Amino acid sequence: MPRNNNAGKHPSYLRLNWSPSSIKRKREYDKEYSSSEKQKKYRAELNRANRKAGTYGNGDNKDMSHTKSGSLKMEHQRLNRARNGRNGKSTKK
């Protein structure tokens, strides 16, 4: 399988006028964060719930999302992933 040539070329880097050194530092931080045991467990829990719900990899644009109370619910990917830009506040649905 060919390598993803778009990896690390996020459009926000250009909008924010980040220097190449800032982008490199961000990528290094993200790599370290994503490989931490805590993050791996978090990701595995969501993947397990997605598989159980039958939405893992089927292209229905649904994700399992953690609520403020700590439970899981099914939610559209766009809403779930966009929340990071809003101080992690949950939406009411």
PDB file of N, CA and C in Angstrom:
ATOM      1  N   MET A   1       0.852  -1.178   0.000  1.00  0.00           N
ATOM      2  CA  MET A   1       0.000   0.000   0.000  1.00  0.00           C
ATOM      3  C   MET A   1       0.898   1.242   0.000  1.00  0.00           C
ATOM      4  N   PRO A   2       0.589   2.224  -0.853  1.00  0.00           N
ATOM      5  CA  PRO A   2       1.428   3.419  -0.915  1.00  0.00           C
ATOM      6  C   PRO A   2       1.297   4.272   0.343  1.00  0.00           C
ATOM      7  N   ARG A   3       2.348   5.013   0.615  1.00  0.00           N
ATOM      8  CA  ARG A   3       2.379   5.885   1.781  1.00  0.00           C
ATOM      9  C   ARG A   3       1.428   7.058   1.560  1.00  0.00           C
ATOM     10  N   ASN A   4       0.814   7.528   2.629  1.00  0.00           N
ATOM     11  CA  ASN A   4      -0.079   8.676   2.551  1.00  0.00           C
ATOM     12  C   ASN A   4       0.762   9.937   2.435  1.00  0.00           C
ATOM     13  N   ASN A   5       0.773  10.546   1.265  1.00  0.00           N
ATOM     14  CA  ASN A   5       1.594  11.733   1.028  1.00  0.00           C
ATOM     15  C   ASN A   5       1.016  12.989   1.667  1.00  0.00           C
ATOM     16  N   ASN A   6      -0.236  12.926   2.115  1.00  0.00           N
ATOM     17  CA  ASN A   6      -0.852  14.087   2.747  1.00  0.00           C
ATOM     18  C   ASN A   6      -0.657  14.097   4.258  1.00  0.00           C
ATOM     19  N   ALA A   7      -0.038  13.073   4.800  1.00  0.00           N
ATOM     20  CA  ALA A   7       0.145  12.989   6.250  1.00  0.00           C
ATOM     21  C   ALA A   7       0.970  14.172   6.742  1.00  0.00           C
ATOM     22  N   GLY A   8       0.468  14.839   7.778  1.00  0.00           N
ATOM     23  CA  GLY A   8       1.189  15.961   8.379  1.00  0.00           C
ATOM     24  C   GLY A   8       1.034  17.274   7.645  1.00  0.00           C
ATOM     25  N   LYS A   9       0.220  17.307   6.602  1.00  0.00           N
ATOM     26  CA  LYS A   9       0.040  18.546   5.832  1.00  0.00           C
ATOM     27  C   LYS A   9      -1.350  19.112   6.109  1.00  0.00           C
ATOM     28  N   HIS A  10      -1.644  19.319   7.357  1.00  0.00           N
ATOM     29  CA  HIS A  10      -2.962  19.790   7.756  1.00  0.00           C
ATOM     30  C   HIS A  10      -3.141  21.236   7.325  1.00  0.00           C
ATOM     31  N   PRO A  11      -4.305  21.592   6.758  1.00  0.00           N
ATOM     32  CA  PRO A  11      -4.505  22.957   6.269  1.00  0.00           C
ATOM     33  C   PRO A  11      -4.396  24.022   7.351  1.00  0.00           C
ATOM     34  N   SER A  12      -4.659  23.646   8.611  1.00  0.00           N
ATOM     35  CA  SER A  12      -4.575  24.650   9.671  1.00  0.00           C
ATOM     36  C   SER A  12      -3.146  25.123   9.880  1.00  0.00           C
ATOM     37  N   TYR A  13      -2.169  24.293   9.543  1.00  0.00           N
ATOM     38  CA  TYR A  13      -0.774  24.728   9.654  1.00  0.00           C
ATOM     39  C   TYR A  13      -0.542  25.940   8.761  1.00  0.00           C
ATOM     40  N   LEU A  14      -1.110  25.900   7.578  1.00  0.00           N
ATOM     41  CA  LEU A  14      -0.935  27.010   6.642  1.00  0.00           C
ATOM     42  C   LEU A  14      -1.711  28.236   7.105  1.00  0.00           C
ATOM     43  N   ARG A  15      -2.942  28.024   7.576  1.00  0.00           N
ATOM     44  CA  ARG A  15      -3.761  29.158   8.037  1.00  0.00           C
ATOM     45  C   ARG A  15      -3.132  29.861   9.226  1.00  0.00           C
ATOM     46  N   LEU A  16      -2.472  29.090  10.080  1.00  0.00           N
ATOM     47  CA  LEU A  16      -1.884  29.667  11.289  1.00  0.00           C
ATOM     48  C   LEU A  16      -0.478  30.199  11.059  1.00  0.00           C
ATOM     49  N   ASN A  17       0.016  30.049   9.848  1.00  0.00           N
ATOM     50  CA  ASN A  17       1.374  30.481   9.506  1.00  0.00           C
ATOM     51  C   ASN A  17       2.424  29.865  10.422  1.00  0.00           C
ATOM     52  N   TRP A  18       2.288  28.570  10.676  1.00  0.00           N
ATOM     53  CA  TRP A  18       3.252  27.868  11.518  1.00  0.00           C
ATOM     54  C   TRP A  18       4.558  27.681  10.768  1.00  0.00           C
ATOM     55  N   SER A  19       5.647  27.860  11.477  1.00  0.00           N
ATOM     56  CA  SER A  19       6.953  27.619  10.890  1.00  0.00           C
ATOM     57  C   SER A  19       7.195  26.118  10.802  1.00  0.00           C
ATOM     58  N   PRO A  20       8.107  25.691   9.943  1.00  0.00           N
ATOM     59  CA  PRO A  20       8.424  24.259   9.846  1.00  0.00           C
ATOM     60  C   PRO A  20       8.866  23.659  11.180  1.00  0.00           C
ATOM     61  N   SER A  21       9.544  24.443  12.010  1.00  0.00           N
ATOM     62  CA  SER A  21       9.979  23.914  13.305  1.00  0.00           C
ATOM     63  C   SER A  21       8.784  23.717  14.247  1.00  0.00           C
ATOM     64  N   SER A  22       7.788  24.616  14.173  1.00  0.00           N
ATOM     65  CA  SER A  22       6.589  24.465  14.995  1.00  0.00           C
ATOM     66  C   SER A  22       5.791  23.236  14.575  1.00  0.00           C
ATOM     67  N   ILE A  23       5.687  23.023  13.265  1.00  0.00           N
ATOM     68  CA  ILE A  23       4.967  21.859  12.750  1.00  0.00           C
ATOM     69  C   ILE A  23       5.666  20.581  13.195  1.00  0.00           C
ATOM     70  N   LYS A  24       6.987  20.564  13.112  1.00  0.00           N
ATOM     71  CA  LYS A  24       7.767  19.391  13.521  1.00  0.00           C
ATOM     72  C   LYS A  24       7.565  19.102  15.008  1.00  0.00           C
ATOM     73  N   ARG A  25       7.584  20.141  15.832  1.00  0.00           N
ATOM     74  CA  ARG A  25       7.398  19.984  17.274  1.00  0.00           C
ATOM     75  C   ARG A  25       5.999  19.439  17.582  1.00  0.00           C
ATOM     76  N   LYS A  26       4.981  19.939  16.858  1.00  0.00           N
ATOM     77  CA  LYS A  26       3.608  19.468  17.041  1.00  0.00           C
ATOM     78  C   LYS A  26       3.486  17.998  16.654  1.00  0.00           C
ATOM     79  N   ARG A  27       4.073  17.606  15.547  1.00  0.00           N
ATOM     80  CA  ARG A  27       4.020  16.207  15.107  1.00  0.00           C
ATOM     81  C   ARG A  27       4.695  15.290  16.122  1.00  0.00           C
ATOM     82  N   GLU A  28       5.814  15.738  16.675  1.00  0.00           N
ATOM     83  CA  GLU A  28       6.516  14.932  17.682  1.00  0.00           C
ATOM     84  C   GLU A  28       5.666  14.774  18.941  1.00  0.00           C
ATOM     85  N   TYR A  29       5.016  15.854  19.365  1.00  0.00           N
ATOM     86  CA  TYR A  29       4.146  15.787  20.537  1.00  0.00           C
ATOM     87  C   TYR A  29       2.986  14.833  20.273  1.00  0.00           C
ATOM     88  N   ASP A  30       2.333  14.979  19.112  1.00  0.00           N
ATOM     89  CA  ASP A  30       1.198  14.123  18.780  1.00  0.00           C
ATOM     90  C   ASP A  30       1.598  12.659  18.746  1.00  0.00           C
ATOM     91  N   LYS A  31       2.763  12.374  18.202  1.00  0.00           N
ATOM     92  CA  LYS A  31       3.247  10.998  18.125  1.00  0.00           C
ATOM     93  C   LYS A  31       3.446  10.421  19.519  1.00  0.00           C
ATOM     94  N   GLU A  32       4.027  11.206  20.408  1.00  0.00           N
ATOM     95  CA  GLU A  32       4.256  10.753  21.778  1.00  0.00           C
ATOM     96  C   GLU A  32       2.937  10.581  22.534  1.00  0.00           C
ATOM     97  N   TYR A  33       2.018  11.526  22.355  1.00  0.00           N
ATOM     98  CA  TYR A  33       0.726  11.469  23.037  1.00  0.00           C
ATOM     99  C   TYR A  33      -0.075  10.256  22.585  1.00  0.00           C
ATOM    100  N   SER A  34      -0.131  10.036  21.281  1.00  0.00           N
ATOM    101  CA  SER A  34      -0.920   8.927  20.738  1.00  0.00           C
ATOM    102  C   SER A  34      -0.370   7.570  21.129  1.00  0.00           C
ATOM    103  N   SER A  35       0.918   7.499  21.431  1.00  0.00           N
ATOM    104  CA  SER A  35       1.518   6.222  21.776  1.00  0.00           C
ATOM    105  C   SER A  35       1.539   5.967  23.284  1.00  0.00           C
ATOM    106  N   SER A  36       0.983   6.888  24.082  1.00  0.00           N
ATOM    107  CA  SER A  36       0.955   6.692  25.531  1.00  0.00           C
ATOM    108  C   SER A  36      -0.045   5.586  25.882  1.00  0.00           C
ATOM    109  N   GLU A  37       0.200   4.887  26.966  1.00  0.00           N
ATOM    110  CA  GLU A  37      -0.661   3.781  27.380  1.00  0.00           C
ATOM    111  C   GLU A  37      -2.095   4.256  27.649  1.00  0.00           C
ATOM    112  N   LYS A  38      -2.226   5.413  28.264  1.00  0.00           N
ATOM    113  CA  LYS A  38      -3.553   5.948  28.569  1.00  0.00           C
ATOM    114  C   LYS A  38      -4.358   6.172  27.288  1.00  0.00           C
ATOM    115  N   GLN A  39      -3.727   6.766  26.277  1.00  0.00           N
ATOM    116  CA  GLN A  39      -4.410   7.056  25.022  1.00  0.00           C
ATOM    117  C   GLN A  39      -4.728   5.771  24.259  1.00  0.00           C
ATOM    118  N   LYS A  40      -3.832   4.791  24.325  1.00  0.00           N
ATOM    119  CA  LYS A  40      -4.075   3.510  23.653  1.00  0.00           C
ATOM    120  C   LYS A  40      -5.300   2.820  24.241  1.00  0.00           C
ATOM    121  N   LYS A  41      -5.419   2.850  25.577  1.00  0.00           N
ATOM    122  CA  LYS A  41      -6.571   2.228  26.236  1.00  0.00           C
ATOM    123  C   LYS A  41      -7.857   2.948  25.867  1.00  0.00           C
ATOM    124  N   TYR A  42      -7.809   4.270  25.836  1.00  0.00           N
ATOM    125  CA  TYR A  42      -8.971   5.093  25.474  1.00  0.00           C
ATOM    126  C   TYR A  42      -9.436   4.753  24.065  1.00  0.00           C
ATOM    127  N   ARG A  43      -8.485   4.701  23.131  1.00  0.00           N
ATOM    128  CA  ARG A  43      -8.786   4.405  21.731  1.00  0.00           C
ATOM    129  C   ARG A  43      -9.318   2.982  21.573  1.00  0.00           C
ATOM    130  N   ALA A  44      -8.723   2.043  22.313  1.00  0.00           N
ATOM    131  CA  ALA A  44      -9.154   0.646  22.238  1.00  0.00           C
ATOM    132  C   ALA A  44     -10.583   0.483  22.752  1.00  0.00           C
ATOM    133  N   GLU A  45     -10.924   1.206  23.814  1.00  0.00           N
ATOM    134  CA  GLU A  45     -12.280   1.136  24.362  1.00  0.00           C
ATOM    135  C   GLU A  45     -13.312   1.600  23.332  1.00  0.00           C
ATOM    136  N   LEU A  46     -13.013   2.691  22.647  1.00  0.00           N
ATOM    137  CA  LEU A  46     -13.932   3.207  21.638  1.00  0.00           C
ATOM    138  C   LEU A  46     -14.019   2.267  20.439  1.00  0.00           C
ATOM    139  N   ASN A  47     -12.885   1.714  20.019  1.00  0.00           N
ATOM    140  CA  ASN A  47     -12.898   0.772  18.902  1.00  0.00           C
ATOM    141  C   ASN A  47     -13.703  -0.475  19.248  1.00  0.00           C
ATOM    142  N   ARG A  48     -13.550  -0.973  20.467  1.00  0.00           N
ATOM    143  CA  ARG A  48     -14.290  -2.152  20.915  1.00  0.00           C
ATOM    144  C   ARG A  48     -15.796  -1.876  20.888  1.00  0.00           C
ATOM    145  N   ALA A  49     -16.183  -0.691  21.365  1.00  0.00           N
ATOM    146  CA  ALA A  49     -17.602  -0.318  21.379  1.00  0.00           C
ATOM    147  C   ALA A  49     -18.131  -0.155  19.954  1.00  0.00           C
ATOM    148  N   ASN A  50     -17.316   0.411  19.062  1.00  0.00           N
ATOM    149  CA  ASN A  50     -17.710   0.562  17.661  1.00  0.00           C
ATOM    150  C   ASN A  50     -17.947  -0.794  17.009  1.00  0.00           C
ATOM    151  N   ARG A  51     -17.059  -1.744  17.279  1.00  0.00           N
ATOM    152  CA  ARG A  51     -17.212  -3.084  16.708  1.00  0.00           C
ATOM    153  C   ARG A  51     -18.477  -3.754  17.244  1.00  0.00           C
ATOM    154  N   LYS A  52     -18.708  -3.607  18.541  1.00  0.00           N
ATOM    155  CA  LYS A  52     -19.875  -4.219  19.168  1.00  0.00           C
ATOM    156  C   LYS A  52     -21.173  -3.628  18.583  1.00  0.00           C
ATOM    157  N   ALA A  53     -21.164  -2.329  18.300  1.00  0.00           N
ATOM    158  CA  ALA A  53     -22.340  -1.666  17.746  1.00  0.00           C
ATOM    159  C   ALA A  53     -22.498  -1.921  16.246  1.00  0.00           C
ATOM    160  N   GLY A  54     -21.468  -2.504  15.631  1.00  0.00           N
ATOM    161  CA  GLY A  54     -21.531  -2.809  14.208  1.00  0.00           C
ATOM    162  C   GLY A  54     -21.241  -1.639  13.303  1.00  0.00           C
ATOM    163  N   THR A  55     -20.611  -0.592  13.822  1.00  0.00           N
ATOM    164  CA  THR A  55     -20.346   0.593  13.006  1.00  0.00           C
ATOM    165  C   THR A  55     -18.877   0.737  12.637  1.00  0.00           C
ATOM    166  N   TYR A  56     -18.039  -0.180  13.094  1.00  0.00           N
ATOM    167  CA  TYR A  56     -16.600  -0.048  12.843  1.00  0.00           C
ATOM    168  C   TYR A  56     -16.288  -0.380  11.389  1.00  0.00           C
ATOM    169  N   GLY A  57     -15.832   0.623  10.631  1.00  0.00           N
ATOM    170  CA  GLY A  57     -15.363   0.401   9.273  1.00  0.00           C
ATOM    171  C   GLY A  57     -16.445   0.198   8.229  1.00  0.00           C
ATOM    172  N   ASN A  58     -17.699   0.466   8.537  1.00  0.00           N
ATOM    173  CA  ASN A  58     -18.739   0.236   7.535  1.00  0.00           C
ATOM    174  C   ASN A  58     -19.127   1.504   6.770  1.00  0.00           C
ATOM    175  N   GLY A  59     -18.494   2.635   7.088  1.00  0.00           N
ATOM    176  CA  GLY A  59     -18.731   3.861   6.335  1.00  0.00           C
ATOM    177  C   GLY A  59     -20.023   4.576   6.652  1.00  0.00           C
ATOM    178  N   ASP A  60     -20.622   4.321   7.808  1.00  0.00           N
ATOM    179  CA  ASP A  60     -21.882   4.989   8.142  1.00  0.00           C
ATOM    180  C   ASP A  60     -21.678   6.337   8.826  1.00  0.00           C
ATOM    181  N   ASN A  61     -20.438   6.751   8.976  1.00  0.00           N
ATOM    182  CA  ASN A  61     -20.081   8.050   9.577  1.00  0.00           C
ATOM    183  C   ASN A  61     -20.532   8.178  11.028  1.00  0.00           C
ATOM    184  N   LYS A  62     -20.584   7.063  11.754  1.00  0.00           N
ATOM    185  CA  LYS A  62     -20.947   7.097  13.165  1.00  0.00           C
ATOM    186  C   LYS A  62     -19.727   6.717  14.003  1.00  0.00           C
ATOM    187  N   ASP A  63     -19.625   7.323  15.168  1.00  0.00           N
ATOM    188  CA  ASP A  63     -18.569   7.063  16.143  1.00  0.00           C
ATOM    189  C   ASP A  63     -19.209   6.799  17.488  1.00  0.00           C
ATOM    190  N   MET A  64     -18.483   6.105  18.337  1.00  0.00           N
ATOM    191  CA  MET A  64     -18.881   6.023  19.735  1.00  0.00           C
ATOM    192  C   MET A  64     -18.215   7.201  20.433  1.00  0.00           C
ATOM    193  N   SER A  65     -18.966   7.893  21.241  1.00  0.00           N
ATOM    194  CA  SER A  65     -18.497   9.116  21.870  1.00  0.00           C
ATOM    195  C   SER A  65     -18.640   9.020  23.380  1.00  0.00           C
ATOM    196  N   HIS A  66     -17.638   9.494  24.112  1.00  0.00           N
ATOM    197  CA  HIS A  66     -17.739   9.568  25.563  1.00  0.00           C
ATOM    198  C   HIS A  66     -18.586  10.777  25.942  1.00  0.00           C
ATOM    199  N   THR A  67     -19.509  10.589  26.851  1.00  0.00           N
ATOM    200  CA  THR A  67     -20.304  11.700  27.358  1.00  0.00           C
ATOM    201  C   THR A  67     -19.640  12.250  28.614  1.00  0.00           C
ATOM    202  N   LYS A  68     -20.157  13.335  29.140  1.00  0.00           N
ATOM    203  CA  LYS A  68     -19.580  13.920  30.355  1.00  0.00           C
ATOM    204  C   LYS A  68     -19.675  12.964  31.538  1.00  0.00           C
ATOM    205  N   SER A  69     -20.722  12.136  31.558  1.00  0.00           N
ATOM    206  CA  SER A  69     -20.898  11.197  32.665  1.00  0.00           C
ATOM    207  C   SER A  69     -19.984   9.984  32.538  1.00  0.00           C
ATOM    208  N   GLY A  70     -19.316   9.841  31.381  1.00  0.00           N
ATOM    209  CA  GLY A  70     -18.388   8.735  31.194  1.00  0.00           C
ATOM    210  C   GLY A  70     -18.964   7.569  30.420  1.00  0.00           C
ATOM    211  N   SER A  71     -20.257   7.619  30.102  1.00  0.00           N
ATOM    212  CA  SER A  71     -20.854   6.543  29.321  1.00  0.00           C
ATOM    213  C   SER A  71     -20.550   6.759  27.838  1.00  0.00           C
ATOM    214  N   LEU A  72     -20.916   5.782  27.019  1.00  0.00           N
ATOM    215  CA  LEU A  72     -20.690   5.880  25.582  1.00  0.00           C
ATOM    216  C   LEU A  72     -22.013   6.005  24.853  1.00  0.00           C
ATOM    217  N   LYS A  73     -22.028   6.798  23.790  1.00  0.00           N
ATOM    218  CA  LYS A  73     -23.208   6.890  22.947  1.00  0.00           C
ATOM    219  C   LYS A  73     -22.750   7.003  21.501  1.00  0.00           C
ATOM    220  N   MET A  74     -23.638   6.653  20.576  1.00  0.00           N
ATOM    221  CA  MET A  74     -23.321   6.752  19.162  1.00  0.00           C
ATOM    222  C   MET A  74     -23.595   8.176  18.708  1.00  0.00           C
ATOM    223  N   GLU A  75     -22.677   8.691  17.889  1.00  0.00           N
ATOM    224  CA  GLU A  75     -22.786  10.078  17.458  1.00  0.00           C
ATOM    225  C   GLU A  75     -22.143  10.212  16.083  1.00  0.00           C
ATOM    226  N   HIS A  76     -22.558  11.201  15.330  1.00  0.00           N
ATOM    227  CA  HIS A  76     -21.963  11.447  14.017  1.00  0.00           C
ATOM    228  C   HIS A  76     -20.495  11.831  14.202  1.00  0.00           C
ATOM    229  N   GLN A  77     -19.630  11.309  13.326  1.00  0.00           N
ATOM    230  CA  GLN A  77     -18.190  11.566  13.431  1.00  0.00           C
ATOM    231  C   GLN A  77     -17.879  13.051  13.449  1.00  0.00           C
ATOM    232  N   ARG A  78     -18.543  13.789  12.598  1.00  0.00           N
ATOM    233  CA  ARG A  78     -18.244  15.215  12.476  1.00  0.00           C
ATOM    234  C   ARG A  78     -18.478  15.944  13.797  1.00  0.00           C
ATOM    235  N   LEU A  79     -19.590  15.648  14.474  1.00  0.00           N
ATOM    236  CA  LEU A  79     -19.888  16.300  15.756  1.00  0.00           C
ATOM    237  C   LEU A  79     -18.903  15.859  16.832  1.00  0.00           C
ATOM    238  N   ASN A  80     -18.623  14.567  16.857  1.00  0.00           N
ATOM    239  CA  ASN A  80     -17.748  14.020  17.880  1.00  0.00           C
ATOM    240  C   ASN A  80     -16.328  14.577  17.763  1.00  0.00           C
ATOM    241  N   ARG A  81     -15.803  14.623  16.562  1.00  0.00           N
ATOM    242  CA  ARG A  81     -14.413  15.037  16.365  1.00  0.00           C
ATOM    243  C   ARG A  81     -14.251  16.551  16.362  1.00  0.00           C
ATOM    244  N   ALA A  82     -15.296  17.288  16.040  1.00  0.00           N
ATOM    245  CA  ALA A  82     -15.207  18.744  16.020  1.00  0.00           C
ATOM    246  C   ALA A  82     -15.230  19.322  17.430  1.00  0.00           C
ATOM    247  N   ARG A  83     -15.735  18.551  18.378  1.00  0.00           N
ATOM    248  CA  ARG A  83     -15.875  19.048  19.737  1.00  0.00           C
ATOM    249  C   ARG A  83     -14.537  19.440  20.350  1.00  0.00           C
ATOM    250  N   ASN A  84     -13.453  18.841  19.890  1.00  0.00           N
ATOM    251  CA  ASN A  84     -12.136  19.171  20.429  1.00  0.00           C
ATOM    252  C   ASN A  84     -11.831  20.646  20.262  1.00  0.00           C
ATOM    253  N   GLY A  85     -12.387  21.285  19.246  1.00  0.00           N
ATOM    254  CA  GLY A  85     -12.147  22.691  19.006  1.00  0.00           C
ATOM    255  C   GLY A  85     -13.021  23.594  19.849  1.00  0.00           C
ATOM    256  N   ARG A  86     -13.924  23.012  20.639  1.00  0.00           N
ATOM    257  CA  ARG A  86     -14.823  23.827  21.456  1.00  0.00           C
ATOM    258  C   ARG A  86     -14.612  23.520  22.932  1.00  0.00           C
ATOM    259  N   ASN A  87     -13.386  23.457  23.346  1.00  0.00           N
ATOM    260  CA  ASN A  87     -13.013  23.235  24.746  1.00  0.00           C
ATOM    261  C   ASN A  87     -13.569  21.935  25.318  1.00  0.00           C
ATOM    262  N   GLY A  88     -13.814  20.957  24.443  1.00  0.00           N
ATOM    263  CA  GLY A  88     -14.264  19.649  24.886  1.00  0.00           C
ATOM    264  C   GLY A  88     -15.674  19.621  25.430  1.00  0.00           C
ATOM    265  N   LYS A  89     -16.479  20.635  25.135  1.00  0.00           N
ATOM    266  CA  LYS A  89     -17.840  20.682  25.650  1.00  0.00           C
ATOM    267  C   LYS A  89     -18.727  19.705  24.895  1.00  0.00           C
ATOM    268  N   SER A  90     -19.544  18.968  25.613  1.00  0.00           N
ATOM    269  CA  SER A  90     -20.471  18.024  24.989  1.00  0.00           C
ATOM    270  C   SER A  90     -21.637  18.775  24.382  1.00  0.00           C
ATOM    271  N   THR A  91     -22.132  18.238  23.270  1.00  0.00           N
ATOM    272  CA  THR A  91     -23.336  18.800  22.681  1.00  0.00           C
ATOM    273  C   THR A  91     -24.530  18.041  23.220  1.00  0.00           C
ATOM    274  N   LYS A  92     -25.660  18.700  23.296  1.00  0.00           N
ATOM    275  CA  LYS A  92     -26.863  18.048  23.808  1.00  0.00           C
ATOM    276  C   LYS A  92     -27.669  17.546  22.637  1.00  0.00           C
ATOM    277  N   LYS A  93     -27.847  16.228  22.584  1.00  0.00           N
ATOM    278  CA  LYS A  93     -28.651  15.618  21.520  1.00  0.00           C
ATOM    279  C   LYS A  93     -29.367  14.451  22.069  1.00  0.00           C
TER     280      LYS A  93
END
